[in-house]
Amino acid sequence: ILVVEGKKVFDLVICVILGYVMGVLVMSSVGDMWHLEHNSKLRKFVGWEVGLVAVYGAYKGLNGMNIFAGVLLGFWFTYNLQHVLVGLGAHFLSTTEGYQWVVFLFYTLVAGGFLYLFNGEAHKKLLALICPFMGGILVAS
């Protein structure tokens, strides 16, 4: 199989290695941030989720950069939205005092929505809505 499909196998190996490294790094970060045990199911689930997204993004190549940009923008938006909602009284979304599974689902759903937008052509509609406001701000300043 390596002789016939060597390039595809090599690409797959690189993608899997990238996913593995990203998953391990995220598992470590989440475990430290939430003081989770090494055998925590939530810690492992977050690691697998990030690892699979990384494999998919790396497999898509340059188009995968749209995926990574979408997920990164989704996490940024979710992080800010979480702080606004906690400030308004939704303490179950608090990273320190809230329910960790609810925070995980909140990030997964909102960042997953951005992943969906940036995976296809839907992000162009979002950009079409945002760009006029950004241009107006630049012209007014």
C-alpha atoms as a PDB file:
ATOM      1  CA  ILE A   1       0.000   0.000   0.000  1.00  0.00           C
ATOM      2  CA  LEU A   2       2.934   2.364   0.624  1.00  0.00           C
ATOM      3  CA  VAL A   3       4.282   1.822  -2.876  1.00  0.00           C
ATOM      4  CA  VAL A   4       0.987   2.529  -4.619  1.00  0.00           C
ATOM      5  CA  GLU A   5      -0.494   5.174  -2.302  1.00  0.00           C
ATOM      6  CA  GLY A   6       2.651   6.474  -0.575  1.00  0.00           C
ATOM      7  CA  LYS A   7       1.742  10.174  -0.703  1.00  0.00           C
ATOM      8  CA  LYS A   8      -1.744   9.631   0.689  1.00  0.00           C
ATOM      9  CA  VAL A   9      -0.437   7.405   3.498  1.00  0.00           C
ATOM     10  CA  PHE A  10       2.253   9.964   4.348  1.00  0.00           C
ATOM     11  CA  ASP A  11      -0.350  12.755   4.426  1.00  0.00           C
ATOM     12  CA  LEU A  12      -2.571  10.644   6.661  1.00  0.00           C
ATOM     13  CA  VAL A  13       0.314   9.926   9.054  1.00  0.00           C
ATOM     14  CA  ILE A  14       1.154  13.635   9.280  1.00  0.00           C
ATOM     15  CA  CYS A  15      -2.500  14.501   9.947  1.00  0.00           C
ATOM     16  CA  VAL A  16      -2.799  11.850  12.667  1.00  0.00           C
ATOM     17  CA  ILE A  17       0.429  13.013  14.341  1.00  0.00           C
ATOM     18  CA  LEU A  18      -0.822  16.612  14.317  1.00  0.00           C
ATOM     19  CA  GLY A  19      -4.158  15.539  15.799  1.00  0.00           C
ATOM     20  CA  TYR A  20      -2.418  13.495  18.478  1.00  0.00           C
ATOM     21  CA  VAL A  21      -0.149  16.373  19.512  1.00  0.00           C
ATOM     22  CA  MET A  22      -3.031  18.869  19.578  1.00  0.00           C
ATOM     23  CA  GLY A  23      -5.197  16.490  21.601  1.00  0.00           C
ATOM     24  CA  VAL A  24      -2.472  15.866  24.192  1.00  0.00           C
ATOM     25  CA  LEU A  25      -1.727  19.582  24.541  1.00  0.00           C
ATOM     26  CA  VAL A  26      -5.389  20.417  25.040  1.00  0.00           C
ATOM     27  CA  MET A  27      -5.905  17.565  27.510  1.00  0.00           C
ATOM     28  CA  SER A  28      -3.021  18.909  29.563  1.00  0.00           C
ATOM     29  CA  SER A  29      -4.316  22.480  29.443  1.00  0.00           C
ATOM     30  CA  VAL A  30      -7.894  21.542  30.346  1.00  0.00           C
ATOM     31  CA  GLY A  31      -6.698  19.232  33.115  1.00  0.00           C
ATOM     32  CA  ASP A  32      -4.599  22.005  34.646  1.00  0.00           C
ATOM     33  CA  MET A  33      -7.240  24.698  34.226  1.00  0.00           C
ATOM     34  CA  TRP A  34     -10.092  22.677  35.749  1.00  0.00           C
ATOM     35  CA  HIS A  35      -7.956  20.580  38.142  1.00  0.00           C
ATOM     36  CA  LEU A  36      -9.146  17.348  36.533  1.00  0.00           C
ATOM     37  CA  GLU A  37      -7.703  13.958  37.345  1.00  0.00           C
ATOM     38  CA  HIS A  38      -5.604  12.134  34.765  1.00  0.00           C
ATOM     39  CA  ASN A  39      -8.401   9.601  34.147  1.00  0.00           C
ATOM     40  CA  SER A  40     -11.169  12.226  33.811  1.00  0.00           C
ATOM     41  CA  LYS A  41     -13.621  11.426  31.008  1.00  0.00           C
ATOM     42  CA  LEU A  42     -14.176  15.119  30.318  1.00  0.00           C
ATOM     43  CA  ARG A  43     -10.429  15.695  29.913  1.00  0.00           C
ATOM     44  CA  LYS A  44     -10.138  12.807  27.462  1.00  0.00           C
ATOM     45  CA  PHE A  45     -13.281  13.799  25.564  1.00  0.00           C
ATOM     46  CA  VAL A  46     -12.025  17.362  25.029  1.00  0.00           C
ATOM     47  CA  GLY A  47      -8.673  15.992  23.852  1.00  0.00           C
ATOM     48  CA  TRP A  48     -10.338  13.658  21.338  1.00  0.00           C
ATOM     49  CA  GLU A  49     -12.595  16.430  20.077  1.00  0.00           C
ATOM     50  CA  VAL A  50      -9.720  18.848  19.455  1.00  0.00           C
ATOM     51  CA  GLY A  51      -7.576  16.074  17.987  1.00  0.00           C
ATOM     52  CA  LEU A  52     -10.278  15.096  15.479  1.00  0.00           C
ATOM     53  CA  VAL A  53     -10.844  18.718  14.442  1.00  0.00           C
ATOM     54  CA  ALA A  54      -7.070  19.111  13.976  1.00  0.00           C
ATOM     55  CA  VAL A  55      -6.886  15.959  11.826  1.00  0.00           C
ATOM     56  CA  TYR A  56      -9.793  17.144   9.700  1.00  0.00           C
ATOM     57  CA  GLY A  57      -8.323  20.627   9.315  1.00  0.00           C
ATOM     58  CA  ALA A  58      -4.881  19.326   8.411  1.00  0.00           C
ATOM     59  CA  TYR A  59      -6.414  16.898   5.916  1.00  0.00           C
ATOM     60  CA  LYS A  60      -8.237  19.722   4.173  1.00  0.00           C
ATOM     61  CA  GLY A  61      -4.894  21.455   3.559  1.00  0.00           C
ATOM     62  CA  LEU A  62      -5.029  25.145   2.829  1.00  0.00           C
ATOM     63  CA  ASN A  63      -8.796  25.064   3.012  1.00  0.00           C
ATOM     64  CA  GLY A  64      -8.245  23.703   6.486  1.00  0.00           C
ATOM     65  CA  MET A  65      -6.857  27.086   7.453  1.00  0.00           C
ATOM     66  CA  ASN A  66     -10.403  28.408   7.066  1.00  0.00           C
ATOM     67  CA  ILE A  67     -11.520  25.715   9.482  1.00  0.00           C
ATOM     68  CA  PHE A  68      -8.848  26.619  12.033  1.00  0.00           C
ATOM     69  CA  ALA A  69      -9.625  30.323  11.650  1.00  0.00           C
ATOM     70  CA  GLY A  70     -13.333  29.626  12.121  1.00  0.00           C
ATOM     71  CA  VAL A  71     -12.807  27.528  15.233  1.00  0.00           C
ATOM     72  CA  LEU A  72     -10.370  30.081  16.669  1.00  0.00           C
ATOM     73  CA  LEU A  73     -12.843  32.893  16.019  1.00  0.00           C
ATOM     74  CA  GLY A  74     -15.581  30.724  17.516  1.00  0.00           C
ATOM     75  CA  PHE A  75     -13.568  30.154  20.697  1.00  0.00           C
ATOM     76  CA  TRP A  76     -12.807  33.868  20.958  1.00  0.00           C
ATOM     77  CA  PHE A  77     -16.498  34.717  20.525  1.00  0.00           C
ATOM     78  CA  THR A  78     -17.558  31.995  22.979  1.00  0.00           C
ATOM     79  CA  TYR A  79     -15.008  33.139  25.569  1.00  0.00           C
ATOM     80  CA  ASN A  80     -16.299  36.712  25.439  1.00  0.00           C
ATOM     81  CA  LEU A  81     -19.940  35.610  25.367  1.00  0.00           C
ATOM     82  CA  GLN A  82     -19.316  33.355  28.377  1.00  0.00           C
ATOM     83  CA  HIS A  83     -17.923  36.268  30.401  1.00  0.00           C
ATOM     84  CA  VAL A  84     -20.871  38.485  29.451  1.00  0.00           C
ATOM     85  CA  LEU A  85     -23.383  35.787  30.379  1.00  0.00           C
ATOM     86  CA  VAL A  86     -21.652  35.043  33.705  1.00  0.00           C
ATOM     87  CA  GLY A  87     -21.664  38.786  34.430  1.00  0.00           C
ATOM     88  CA  LEU A  88     -25.413  38.827  33.737  1.00  0.00           C
ATOM     89  CA  GLY A  89     -25.987  36.008  36.216  1.00  0.00           C
ATOM     90  CA  ALA A  90     -25.535  32.740  34.317  1.00  0.00           C
ATOM     91  CA  HIS A  91     -23.108  31.373  36.930  1.00  0.00           C
ATOM     92  CA  PHE A  92     -23.523  27.808  35.679  1.00  0.00           C
ATOM     93  CA  LEU A  93     -21.277  28.883  32.763  1.00  0.00           C
ATOM     94  CA  SER A  94     -18.495  30.038  35.075  1.00  0.00           C
ATOM     95  CA  THR A  95     -15.209  28.250  34.446  1.00  0.00           C
ATOM     96  CA  THR A  96     -14.355  28.067  38.144  1.00  0.00           C
ATOM     97  CA  GLU A  97     -17.753  27.790  39.854  1.00  0.00           C
ATOM     98  CA  GLY A  98     -19.987  26.400  37.113  1.00  0.00           C
ATOM     99  CA  TYR A  99     -20.669  22.969  35.714  1.00  0.00           C
ATOM    100  CA  GLN A 100     -17.721  21.854  33.605  1.00  0.00           C
ATOM    101  CA  TRP A 101     -19.832  19.718  31.266  1.00  0.00           C
ATOM    102  CA  VAL A 102     -22.162  22.664  30.586  1.00  0.00           C
ATOM    103  CA  VAL A 103     -19.162  24.903  29.820  1.00  0.00           C
ATOM    104  CA  PHE A 104     -17.783  22.180  27.541  1.00  0.00           C
ATOM    105  CA  LEU A 105     -21.100  21.840  25.683  1.00  0.00           C
ATOM    106  CA  PHE A 106     -21.431  25.621  25.396  1.00  0.00           C
ATOM    107  CA  TYR A 107     -17.991  25.930  23.802  1.00  0.00           C
ATOM    108  CA  THR A 108     -18.589  22.903  21.575  1.00  0.00           C
ATOM    109  CA  LEU A 109     -21.912  24.171  20.243  1.00  0.00           C
ATOM    110  CA  VAL A 110     -20.904  27.784  19.624  1.00  0.00           C
ATOM    111  CA  ALA A 111     -17.426  27.002  18.244  1.00  0.00           C
ATOM    112  CA  GLY A 112     -18.981  24.135  16.265  1.00  0.00           C
ATOM    113  CA  GLY A 113     -21.363  26.651  14.714  1.00  0.00           C
ATOM    114  CA  PHE A 114     -18.396  28.732  13.604  1.00  0.00           C
ATOM    115  CA  LEU A 115     -16.763  25.551  12.284  1.00  0.00           C
ATOM    116  CA  TYR A 116     -19.883  24.929  10.209  1.00  0.00           C
ATOM    117  CA  LEU A 117     -19.871  28.507   8.917  1.00  0.00           C
ATOM    118  CA  PHE A 118     -16.226  28.419   7.890  1.00  0.00           C
ATOM    119  CA  ASN A 119     -16.238  24.878   6.482  1.00  0.00           C
ATOM    120  CA  GLY A 120     -18.310  25.777   3.458  1.00  0.00           C
ATOM    121  CA  GLU A 121     -19.251  29.030   1.843  1.00  0.00           C
ATOM    122  CA  ALA A 122     -21.480  30.217   4.706  1.00  0.00           C
ATOM    123  CA  HIS A 123     -18.739  32.398   6.206  1.00  0.00           C
ATOM    124  CA  LYS A 124     -18.974  34.664   3.180  1.00  0.00           C
ATOM    125  CA  LYS A 125     -22.507  35.613   4.254  1.00  0.00           C
ATOM    126  CA  LEU A 126     -21.204  36.423   7.732  1.00  0.00           C
ATOM    127  CA  LEU A 127     -18.413  38.529   6.251  1.00  0.00           C
ATOM    128  CA  ALA A 128     -20.924  40.311   4.018  1.00  0.00           C
ATOM    129  CA  LEU A 129     -22.796  41.380   7.165  1.00  0.00           C
ATOM    130  CA  ILE A 130     -19.717  42.394   9.171  1.00  0.00           C
ATOM    131  CA  CYS A 131     -17.595  44.195   6.540  1.00  0.00           C
ATOM    132  CA  PRO A 132     -19.908  47.220   6.001  1.00  0.00           C
ATOM    133  CA  PHE A 133     -19.875  47.946   9.729  1.00  0.00           C
ATOM    134  CA  MET A 134     -16.088  47.652   9.884  1.00  0.00           C
ATOM    135  CA  GLY A 135     -15.774  49.941   6.850  1.00  0.00           C
ATOM    136  CA  GLY A 136     -18.114  52.465   8.436  1.00  0.00           C
ATOM    137  CA  ILE A 137     -16.029  52.482  11.594  1.00  0.00           C
ATOM    138  CA  LEU A 138     -12.847  53.012   9.598  1.00  0.00           C
ATOM    139  CA  VAL A 139     -14.365  55.832   7.540  1.00  0.00           C
ATOM    140  CA  ALA A 140     -15.817  57.550  10.628  1.00  0.00           C
ATOM    141  CA  SER A 141     -12.499  57.433  12.468  1.00  0.00           C
END
